[in-house]
Amino acid sequence: MQNFKNSFSHFELAKKKLVYFSNLNYPNLICAVSSKQIGDLRTKDNKGLENFCRVLEIEPNNVVRAEQTHDNIIKEVNKQDCGEIVEGVDGLLTKSKNIYLFVVVADCLPIVFFDPKQQMVGVVHSGWKGSSQNIAGRMVKNFAEIGSDPKDILVGIGPSICQKHYEVGREVAVLFERGNIKEDNHKFYLDLRKVNNSQLIESGINPNNIDNINFCTFEEKDAFYSWRREKPNLSGEFGLIAGLKS
């Protein structure tokens, strides 16, 4: 299991526009997580997304976005999906070049998958609902069905809310193994990151191929939006974009 140690300080984080995964430094792979410095990414056509794309040096019209319905549905996309929001899905994957997959979050996990041998990339949005349905493991299965060996897949797991601040009801807690739940004074706290790491490893991902950006969205108020911290008036969402350039 990963120790979830970060490679840069909280002070450095607050200044960053983009955060990168240490295991996904490939010349033909565009992949990054945005911060508040980029702006709000909630809507399809906004300055935040344009800014994100400008920094990544990609065209906004080549971005494909998942609608995100808090389920475990994943779809393979291609050129005809560029510029669209794909309805009814929380995960996207592609082998096509110059298509950039996009999910937004504000406490949930943004996860990217990359097979450098098969040249395939995928992204998922994983909240407690998607995690309870093993969306991360389902993405690994989808990769395998298209030709990937899970041992070749590299995974990056972005910032999310930490267990300390992620209280859930008993009806949610019972959906997960006890090792992922902390009970304190009749309250239940879910370790969303631990759940997804375990599911990935159970799906055949090498633990050494997983990079965790282990910053808590609730605590890092200068860097990331957080629904739990800001509710009911969430000021924005940050995002993950990943894709292969030609």
C-alpha atoms as a PDB file:
ATOM      1  CA  MET A   1       0.000   0.000   0.000  1.00  0.00           C
ATOM      2  CA  GLN A   2       1.190   3.499  -0.762  1.00  0.00           C
ATOM      3  CA  ASN A   3       2.291   5.789   2.053  1.00  0.00           C
ATOM      4  CA  PHE A   4       0.660   8.776   0.317  1.00  0.00           C
ATOM      5  CA  LYS A   5       3.655  11.065   0.934  1.00  0.00           C
ATOM      6  CA  ASN A   6       3.722  14.324  -1.022  1.00  0.00           C
ATOM      7  CA  SER A   7       6.831  15.600  -2.783  1.00  0.00           C
ATOM      8  CA  PHE A   8       6.218  19.308  -2.166  1.00  0.00           C
ATOM      9  CA  SER A   9       5.187  21.493   0.752  1.00  0.00           C
ATOM     10  CA  HIS A  10       1.848  23.087   1.586  1.00  0.00           C
ATOM     11  CA  PHE A  11       3.415  26.492   0.977  1.00  0.00           C
ATOM     12  CA  GLU A  12       4.538  25.482  -2.528  1.00  0.00           C
ATOM     13  CA  LEU A  13       1.119  23.974  -3.243  1.00  0.00           C
ATOM     14  CA  ALA A  14      -0.705  27.257  -2.650  1.00  0.00           C
ATOM     15  CA  LYS A  15       1.300  28.866  -5.463  1.00  0.00           C
ATOM     16  CA  LYS A  16       0.851  26.133  -8.042  1.00  0.00           C
ATOM     17  CA  LYS A  17      -1.505  26.440 -11.000  1.00  0.00           C
ATOM     18  CA  LEU A  18      -1.117  22.767 -11.879  1.00  0.00           C
ATOM     19  CA  VAL A  19      -0.111  19.672  -9.947  1.00  0.00           C
ATOM     20  CA  TYR A  20       1.544  16.773 -11.766  1.00  0.00           C
ATOM     21  CA  PHE A  21       1.936  13.059 -11.068  1.00  0.00           C
ATOM     22  CA  SER A  22       5.533  11.925 -10.666  1.00  0.00           C
ATOM     23  CA  ASN A  23       4.992   8.616 -12.499  1.00  0.00           C
ATOM     24  CA  LEU A  24       3.293  10.112 -15.578  1.00  0.00           C
ATOM     25  CA  ASN A  25       6.119  12.145 -17.084  1.00  0.00           C
ATOM     26  CA  TYR A  26       5.870  10.953 -20.694  1.00  0.00           C
ATOM     27  CA  PRO A  27       6.558  13.231 -23.672  1.00  0.00           C
ATOM     28  CA  ASN A  28       3.295  12.412 -25.455  1.00  0.00           C
ATOM     29  CA  LEU A  29       1.076  12.445 -22.357  1.00  0.00           C
ATOM     30  CA  ILE A  30      -0.702  15.603 -21.240  1.00  0.00           C
ATOM     31  CA  CYS A  31      -1.850  15.138 -17.656  1.00  0.00           C
ATOM     32  CA  ALA A  32      -2.361  17.513 -14.732  1.00  0.00           C
ATOM     33  CA  VAL A  33      -4.647  18.481 -11.870  1.00  0.00           C
ATOM     34  CA  SER A  34      -5.702  22.114 -11.631  1.00  0.00           C
ATOM     35  CA  SER A  35      -5.766  24.275  -8.514  1.00  0.00           C
ATOM     36  CA  LYS A  36      -7.737  27.362  -7.515  1.00  0.00           C
ATOM     37  CA  GLN A  37      -5.102  29.385  -9.358  1.00  0.00           C
ATOM     38  CA  ILE A  38      -6.634  28.113 -12.621  1.00  0.00           C
ATOM     39  CA  GLY A  39     -10.201  28.968 -11.600  1.00  0.00           C
ATOM     40  CA  ASP A  40     -13.613  27.327 -11.362  1.00  0.00           C
ATOM     41  CA  LEU A  41     -14.164  24.470 -13.826  1.00  0.00           C
ATOM     42  CA  ARG A  42     -17.814  23.647 -13.127  1.00  0.00           C
ATOM     43  CA  THR A  43     -19.316  24.743 -16.438  1.00  0.00           C
ATOM     44  CA  LYS A  44     -18.489  23.584 -19.965  1.00  0.00           C
ATOM     45  CA  ASP A  45     -17.736  27.012 -21.407  1.00  0.00           C
ATOM     46  CA  ASN A  46     -15.881  29.170 -18.906  1.00  0.00           C
ATOM     47  CA  LYS A  47     -12.648  31.048 -18.394  1.00  0.00           C
ATOM     48  CA  GLY A  48     -11.380  28.435 -15.951  1.00  0.00           C
ATOM     49  CA  LEU A  49     -11.393  25.674 -18.556  1.00  0.00           C
ATOM     50  CA  GLU A  50      -9.905  27.998 -21.169  1.00  0.00           C
ATOM     51  CA  ASN A  51      -7.145  28.914 -18.722  1.00  0.00           C
ATOM     52  CA  PHE A  52      -6.504  25.257 -17.874  1.00  0.00           C
ATOM     53  CA  CYS A  53      -6.207  24.376 -21.562  1.00  0.00           C
ATOM     54  CA  ARG A  54      -4.000  27.371 -22.295  1.00  0.00           C
ATOM     55  CA  VAL A  55      -1.512  26.376 -19.608  1.00  0.00           C
ATOM     56  CA  LEU A  56      -1.516  22.789 -20.919  1.00  0.00           C
ATOM     57  CA  GLU A  57      -1.186  24.094 -24.500  1.00  0.00           C
ATOM     58  CA  ILE A  58      -4.223  22.189 -25.775  1.00  0.00           C
ATOM     59  CA  GLU A  59      -7.419  23.274 -27.533  1.00  0.00           C
ATOM     60  CA  PRO A  60     -10.612  23.452 -25.403  1.00  0.00           C
ATOM     61  CA  ASN A  61     -12.527  22.032 -28.374  1.00  0.00           C
ATOM     62  CA  ASN A  62     -10.516  18.816 -28.019  1.00  0.00           C
ATOM     63  CA  VAL A  63     -11.662  18.239 -24.436  1.00  0.00           C
ATOM     64  CA  VAL A  64     -14.219  15.519 -23.665  1.00  0.00           C
ATOM     65  CA  ARG A  65     -15.983  15.774 -20.329  1.00  0.00           C
ATOM     66  CA  ALA A  66     -17.781  13.160 -18.242  1.00  0.00           C
ATOM     67  CA  GLU A  67     -21.228  14.218 -17.026  1.00  0.00           C
ATOM     68  CA  GLN A  68     -20.543  12.614 -13.609  1.00  0.00           C
ATOM     69  CA  THR A  69     -23.664  11.028 -12.182  1.00  0.00           C
ATOM     70  CA  HIS A  70     -21.967   9.356  -9.179  1.00  0.00           C
ATOM     71  CA  ASP A  71     -22.123   5.905 -10.741  1.00  0.00           C
ATOM     72  CA  ASN A  72     -19.530   3.508 -12.158  1.00  0.00           C
ATOM     73  CA  ILE A  73     -20.276   3.790 -15.869  1.00  0.00           C
ATOM     74  CA  ILE A  74     -17.277   4.229 -18.194  1.00  0.00           C
ATOM     75  CA  LYS A  75     -17.256   4.959 -21.924  1.00  0.00           C
ATOM     76  CA  GLU A  76     -14.569   4.749 -24.580  1.00  0.00           C
ATOM     77  CA  VAL A  77     -14.503   7.960 -26.648  1.00  0.00           C
ATOM     78  CA  ASN A  78     -12.956   9.135 -29.905  1.00  0.00           C
ATOM     79  CA  LYS A  79     -12.676  12.167 -32.182  1.00  0.00           C
ATOM     80  CA  GLN A  80     -16.424  12.568 -32.655  1.00  0.00           C
ATOM     81  CA  ASP A  81     -16.828  13.185 -28.914  1.00  0.00           C
ATOM     82  CA  CYS A  82     -14.494  16.190 -28.820  1.00  0.00           C
ATOM     83  CA  GLY A  83     -16.091  19.240 -27.253  1.00  0.00           C
ATOM     84  CA  GLU A  84     -18.908  17.179 -25.744  1.00  0.00           C
ATOM     85  CA  ILE A  85     -20.125  16.250 -22.282  1.00  0.00           C
ATOM     86  CA  VAL A  86     -20.675  12.482 -22.328  1.00  0.00           C
ATOM     87  CA  GLU A  87     -23.934  11.803 -20.523  1.00  0.00           C
ATOM     88  CA  GLY A  88     -24.399   9.190 -17.824  1.00  0.00           C
ATOM     89  CA  VAL A  89     -20.737   8.405 -17.187  1.00  0.00           C
ATOM     90  CA  ASP A  90     -18.148   8.955 -14.462  1.00  0.00           C
ATOM     91  CA  GLY A  91     -15.237   7.571 -16.453  1.00  0.00           C
ATOM     92  CA  LEU A  92     -13.747   8.032 -19.915  1.00  0.00           C
ATOM     93  CA  LEU A  93     -11.012   6.227 -21.809  1.00  0.00           C
ATOM     94  CA  THR A  94      -9.439   6.513 -25.247  1.00  0.00           C
ATOM     95  CA  LYS A  95      -6.647   5.322 -27.503  1.00  0.00           C
ATOM     96  CA  SER A  96      -7.132   8.265 -29.854  1.00  0.00           C
ATOM     97  CA  LYS A  97      -4.610  11.092 -30.055  1.00  0.00           C
ATOM     98  CA  ASN A  98      -5.376  14.763 -29.376  1.00  0.00           C
ATOM     99  CA  ILE A  99      -8.436  13.956 -27.241  1.00  0.00           C
ATOM    100  CA  TYR A 100      -8.246  15.205 -23.677  1.00  0.00           C
ATOM    101  CA  LEU A 101     -10.396  13.557 -21.024  1.00  0.00           C
ATOM    102  CA  PHE A 102     -11.772  15.760 -18.265  1.00  0.00           C
ATOM    103  CA  VAL A 103     -13.390  15.282 -14.850  1.00  0.00           C
ATOM    104  CA  VAL A 104     -14.089  17.837 -12.114  1.00  0.00           C
ATOM    105  CA  VAL A 105     -14.106  17.380  -8.346  1.00  0.00           C
ATOM    106  CA  ALA A 106     -14.421  19.221  -5.050  1.00  0.00           C
ATOM    107  CA  ASP A 107     -13.640  16.455  -2.507  1.00  0.00           C
ATOM    108  CA  CYS A 108     -14.054  13.289  -4.600  1.00  0.00           C
ATOM    109  CA  LEU A 109     -11.045  11.561  -6.133  1.00  0.00           C
ATOM    110  CA  PRO A 110      -9.872  12.379  -9.658  1.00  0.00           C
ATOM    111  CA  ILE A 111      -7.992   9.341 -10.980  1.00  0.00           C
ATOM    112  CA  VAL A 112      -5.979   8.940 -14.183  1.00  0.00           C
ATOM    113  CA  PHE A 113      -4.891   5.677 -15.827  1.00  0.00           C
ATOM    114  CA  PHE A 114      -2.168   5.329 -18.474  1.00  0.00           C
ATOM    115  CA  ASP A 115      -0.796   2.296 -20.288  1.00  0.00           C
ATOM    116  CA  PRO A 116       2.422   3.381 -22.044  1.00  0.00           C
ATOM    117  CA  LYS A 117       2.595   0.103 -24.013  1.00  0.00           C
ATOM    118  CA  GLN A 118      -0.947   0.178 -25.385  1.00  0.00           C
ATOM    119  CA  GLN A 119      -0.984   4.002 -25.489  1.00  0.00           C
ATOM    120  CA  MET A 120      -4.301   4.221 -23.726  1.00  0.00           C
ATOM    121  CA  VAL A 121      -5.495   6.789 -21.184  1.00  0.00           C
ATOM    122  CA  GLY A 122      -8.511   6.957 -18.889  1.00  0.00           C
ATOM    123  CA  VAL A 123      -9.934   9.156 -16.143  1.00  0.00           C
ATOM    124  CA  VAL A 124     -12.565   8.613 -13.461  1.00  0.00           C
ATOM    125  CA  HIS A 125     -14.418  10.642 -10.867  1.00  0.00           C
ATOM    126  CA  SER A 126     -14.720   8.527  -7.720  1.00  0.00           C
ATOM    127  CA  GLY A 127     -16.873   9.639  -4.803  1.00  0.00           C
ATOM    128  CA  TRP A 128     -18.300   7.295  -2.214  1.00  0.00           C
ATOM    129  CA  LYS A 129     -20.975   6.038  -4.605  1.00  0.00           C
ATOM    130  CA  GLY A 130     -18.522   5.270  -7.388  1.00  0.00           C
ATOM    131  CA  SER A 131     -16.080   3.782  -4.900  1.00  0.00           C
ATOM    132  CA  SER A 132     -18.757   1.530  -3.414  1.00  0.00           C
ATOM    133  CA  GLN A 133     -19.259   0.216  -6.976  1.00  0.00           C
ATOM    134  CA  ASN A 134     -15.505  -0.136  -7.608  1.00  0.00           C
ATOM    135  CA  ILE A 135     -15.255   2.314 -10.497  1.00  0.00           C
ATOM    136  CA  ALA A 136     -11.448   2.273 -10.288  1.00  0.00           C
ATOM    137  CA  GLY A 137     -11.376  -1.503 -10.642  1.00  0.00           C
ATOM    138  CA  ARG A 138     -13.873  -1.296 -13.468  1.00  0.00           C
ATOM    139  CA  MET A 139     -11.557   1.027 -15.395  1.00  0.00           C
ATOM    140  CA  VAL A 140      -8.739  -1.500 -15.018  1.00  0.00           C
ATOM    141  CA  LYS A 141     -11.083  -4.185 -16.361  1.00  0.00           C
ATOM    142  CA  ASN A 142     -12.007  -1.993 -19.332  1.00  0.00           C
ATOM    143  CA  PHE A 143      -8.321  -1.414 -20.098  1.00  0.00           C
ATOM    144  CA  ALA A 144      -7.714  -5.173 -19.959  1.00  0.00           C
ATOM    145  CA  GLU A 145     -10.605  -5.869 -22.332  1.00  0.00           C
ATOM    146  CA  ILE A 146      -8.962  -3.577 -24.906  1.00  0.00           C
ATOM    147  CA  GLY A 147      -5.562  -5.226 -24.559  1.00  0.00           C
ATOM    148  CA  SER A 148      -3.796  -3.876 -21.464  1.00  0.00           C
ATOM    149  CA  ASP A 149      -1.953  -5.937 -18.895  1.00  0.00           C
ATOM    150  CA  PRO A 150      -2.902  -4.398 -15.515  1.00  0.00           C
ATOM    151  CA  LYS A 151       0.735  -4.642 -14.450  1.00  0.00           C
ATOM    152  CA  ASP A 152       1.622  -2.126 -17.160  1.00  0.00           C
ATOM    153  CA  ILE A 153      -0.971   0.468 -16.120  1.00  0.00           C
ATOM    154  CA  LEU A 154       0.234   3.575 -14.294  1.00  0.00           C
ATOM    155  CA  VAL A 155      -2.255   5.344 -12.018  1.00  0.00           C
ATOM    156  CA  GLY A 156      -2.354   8.833 -10.540  1.00  0.00           C
ATOM    157  CA  ILE A 157      -4.778   9.667  -7.729  1.00  0.00           C
ATOM    158  CA  GLY A 158      -5.337  13.372  -7.186  1.00  0.00           C
ATOM    159  CA  PRO A 159      -6.203  15.466  -4.134  1.00  0.00           C
ATOM    160  CA  SER A 160      -9.376  14.610  -2.226  1.00  0.00           C
ATOM    161  CA  ILE A 161     -10.961  14.990   1.164  1.00  0.00           C
ATOM    162  CA  CYS A 162      -9.146  13.029   3.866  1.00  0.00           C
ATOM    163  CA  GLN A 163     -10.759  10.612   6.289  1.00  0.00           C
ATOM    164  CA  LYS A 164     -10.588  13.093   9.177  1.00  0.00           C
ATOM    165  CA  HIS A 165     -13.088  15.386   7.447  1.00  0.00           C
ATOM    166  CA  TYR A 166     -15.181  12.851   5.528  1.00  0.00           C
ATOM    167  CA  GLU A 167     -18.039  11.946   7.824  1.00  0.00           C
ATOM    168  CA  VAL A 168     -20.620   9.595   6.315  1.00  0.00           C
ATOM    169  CA  GLY A 169     -23.838   8.053   7.579  1.00  0.00           C
ATOM    170  CA  ARG A 170     -24.104   4.513   8.863  1.00  0.00           C
ATOM    171  CA  GLU A 171     -25.930   3.565   5.656  1.00  0.00           C
ATOM    172  CA  VAL A 172     -22.803   4.540   3.687  1.00  0.00           C
ATOM    173  CA  ALA A 173     -20.308   3.107   6.162  1.00  0.00           C
ATOM    174  CA  VAL A 174     -21.789  -0.397   5.883  1.00  0.00           C
ATOM    175  CA  LEU A 175     -20.974  -0.433   2.154  1.00  0.00           C
ATOM    176  CA  PHE A 176     -17.242  -0.536   2.890  1.00  0.00           C
ATOM    177  CA  GLU A 177     -14.881  -2.879   4.711  1.00  0.00           C
ATOM    178  CA  ARG A 178     -14.325  -1.955   8.330  1.00  0.00           C
ATOM    179  CA  GLY A 179     -10.655  -1.143   7.724  1.00  0.00           C
ATOM    180  CA  ASN A 180     -11.745   1.821   5.604  1.00  0.00           C
ATOM    181  CA  ILE A 181     -14.043   3.266   8.260  1.00  0.00           C
ATOM    182  CA  LYS A 182     -13.142   4.998  11.508  1.00  0.00           C
ATOM    183  CA  GLU A 183     -15.855   5.219  14.148  1.00  0.00           C
ATOM    184  CA  ASP A 184     -15.627   8.006  16.712  1.00  0.00           C
ATOM    185  CA  ASN A 185     -18.381   8.954  19.141  1.00  0.00           C
ATOM    186  CA  HIS A 186     -21.013   7.209  16.994  1.00  0.00           C
ATOM    187  CA  LYS A 187     -19.835   9.021  13.883  1.00  0.00           C
ATOM    188  CA  PHE A 188     -18.322   7.321  10.848  1.00  0.00           C
ATOM    189  CA  TYR A 189     -15.424   8.574   8.711  1.00  0.00           C
ATOM    190  CA  LEU A 190     -14.547   7.063   5.330  1.00  0.00           C
ATOM    191  CA  ASP A 191     -11.001   6.791   3.939  1.00  0.00           C
ATOM    192  CA  LEU A 192     -11.842   7.264   0.271  1.00  0.00           C
ATOM    193  CA  ARG A 193      -8.209   7.166  -0.835  1.00  0.00           C
ATOM    194  CA  LYS A 194      -7.507   3.905   0.945  1.00  0.00           C
ATOM    195  CA  VAL A 195     -10.597   2.323  -0.616  1.00  0.00           C
ATOM    196  CA  ASN A 196      -9.517   3.182  -4.150  1.00  0.00           C
ATOM    197  CA  ASN A 197      -5.893   2.180  -3.645  1.00  0.00           C
ATOM    198  CA  SER A 198      -7.026  -1.199  -2.344  1.00  0.00           C
ATOM    199  CA  GLN A 199      -9.413  -1.699  -5.247  1.00  0.00           C
ATOM    200  CA  LEU A 200      -6.696  -0.855  -7.756  1.00  0.00           C
ATOM    201  CA  ILE A 201      -4.245  -3.312  -6.222  1.00  0.00           C
ATOM    202  CA  GLU A 202      -6.925  -6.016  -6.068  1.00  0.00           C
ATOM    203  CA  SER A 203      -7.519  -5.367  -9.778  1.00  0.00           C
ATOM    204  CA  GLY A 204      -3.897  -6.174 -10.587  1.00  0.00           C
ATOM    205  CA  ILE A 205      -2.241  -2.740 -10.478  1.00  0.00           C
ATOM    206  CA  ASN A 206       1.308  -2.817  -9.133  1.00  0.00           C
ATOM    207  CA  PRO A 207       1.350  -0.702  -5.918  1.00  0.00           C
ATOM    208  CA  ASN A 208       4.580   0.908  -7.134  1.00  0.00           C
ATOM    209  CA  ASN A 209       2.707   2.157 -10.213  1.00  0.00           C
ATOM    210  CA  ILE A 210       0.310   4.280  -8.138  1.00  0.00           C
ATOM    211  CA  ASP A 211       1.154   7.907  -7.370  1.00  0.00           C
ATOM    212  CA  ASN A 212      -0.992   9.630  -4.747  1.00  0.00           C
ATOM    213  CA  ILE A 213      -1.178  13.410  -4.481  1.00  0.00           C
ATOM    214  CA  ASN A 214      -2.188  13.209  -0.875  1.00  0.00           C
ATOM    215  CA  PHE A 215      -3.385  16.719  -0.110  1.00  0.00           C
ATOM    216  CA  CYS A 216      -6.729  17.112   1.640  1.00  0.00           C
ATOM    217  CA  THR A 217      -9.125  19.365  -0.264  1.00  0.00           C
ATOM    218  CA  PHE A 218     -10.902  20.310   2.963  1.00  0.00           C
ATOM    219  CA  GLU A 219      -7.684  21.500   4.612  1.00  0.00           C
ATOM    220  CA  GLU A 220      -5.948  23.085   1.602  1.00  0.00           C
ATOM    221  CA  LYS A 221      -8.347  26.011   1.265  1.00  0.00           C
ATOM    222  CA  ASP A 222      -5.863  28.134  -0.690  1.00  0.00           C
ATOM    223  CA  ALA A 223      -5.313  25.435  -3.319  1.00  0.00           C
ATOM    224  CA  PHE A 224      -8.516  23.440  -3.811  1.00  0.00           C
ATOM    225  CA  TYR A 225     -12.287  23.774  -3.689  1.00  0.00           C
ATOM    226  CA  SER A 226     -14.135  21.600  -1.156  1.00  0.00           C
ATOM    227  CA  TRP A 227     -17.841  20.887  -0.975  1.00  0.00           C
ATOM    228  CA  ARG A 228     -17.639  19.752   2.656  1.00  0.00           C
ATOM    229  CA  ARG A 229     -15.803  22.906   3.673  1.00  0.00           C
ATOM    230  CA  GLU A 230     -17.904  25.372   1.643  1.00  0.00           C
ATOM    231  CA  LYS A 231     -21.399  23.826   1.572  1.00  0.00           C
ATOM    232  CA  PRO A 232     -24.047  24.850   0.784  1.00  0.00           C
ATOM    233  CA  ASN A 233     -22.346  27.593  -1.270  1.00  0.00           C
ATOM    234  CA  LEU A 234     -19.572  25.833  -3.172  1.00  0.00           C
ATOM    235  CA  SER A 235     -17.453  28.447  -4.963  1.00  0.00           C
ATOM    236  CA  GLY A 236     -16.020  26.138  -7.621  1.00  0.00           C
ATOM    237  CA  GLU A 237     -14.537  22.825  -8.694  1.00  0.00           C
ATOM    238  CA  PHE A 238     -11.035  21.883  -9.809  1.00  0.00           C
ATOM    239  CA  GLY A 239     -10.261  19.261 -12.414  1.00  0.00           C
ATOM    240  CA  LEU A 240      -8.089  16.615 -14.009  1.00  0.00           C
ATOM    241  CA  ILE A 241      -7.274  16.564 -17.718  1.00  0.00           C
ATOM    242  CA  ALA A 242      -5.401  13.727 -19.414  1.00  0.00           C
ATOM    243  CA  GLY A 243      -4.794  12.794 -23.047  1.00  0.00           C
ATOM    244  CA  LEU A 244      -2.280  11.733 -25.680  1.00  0.00           C
ATOM    245  CA  LYS A 245      -0.858  14.224 -28.129  1.00  0.00           C
ATOM    246  CA  SER A 246       0.255  13.225 -31.617  1.00  0.00           C
END
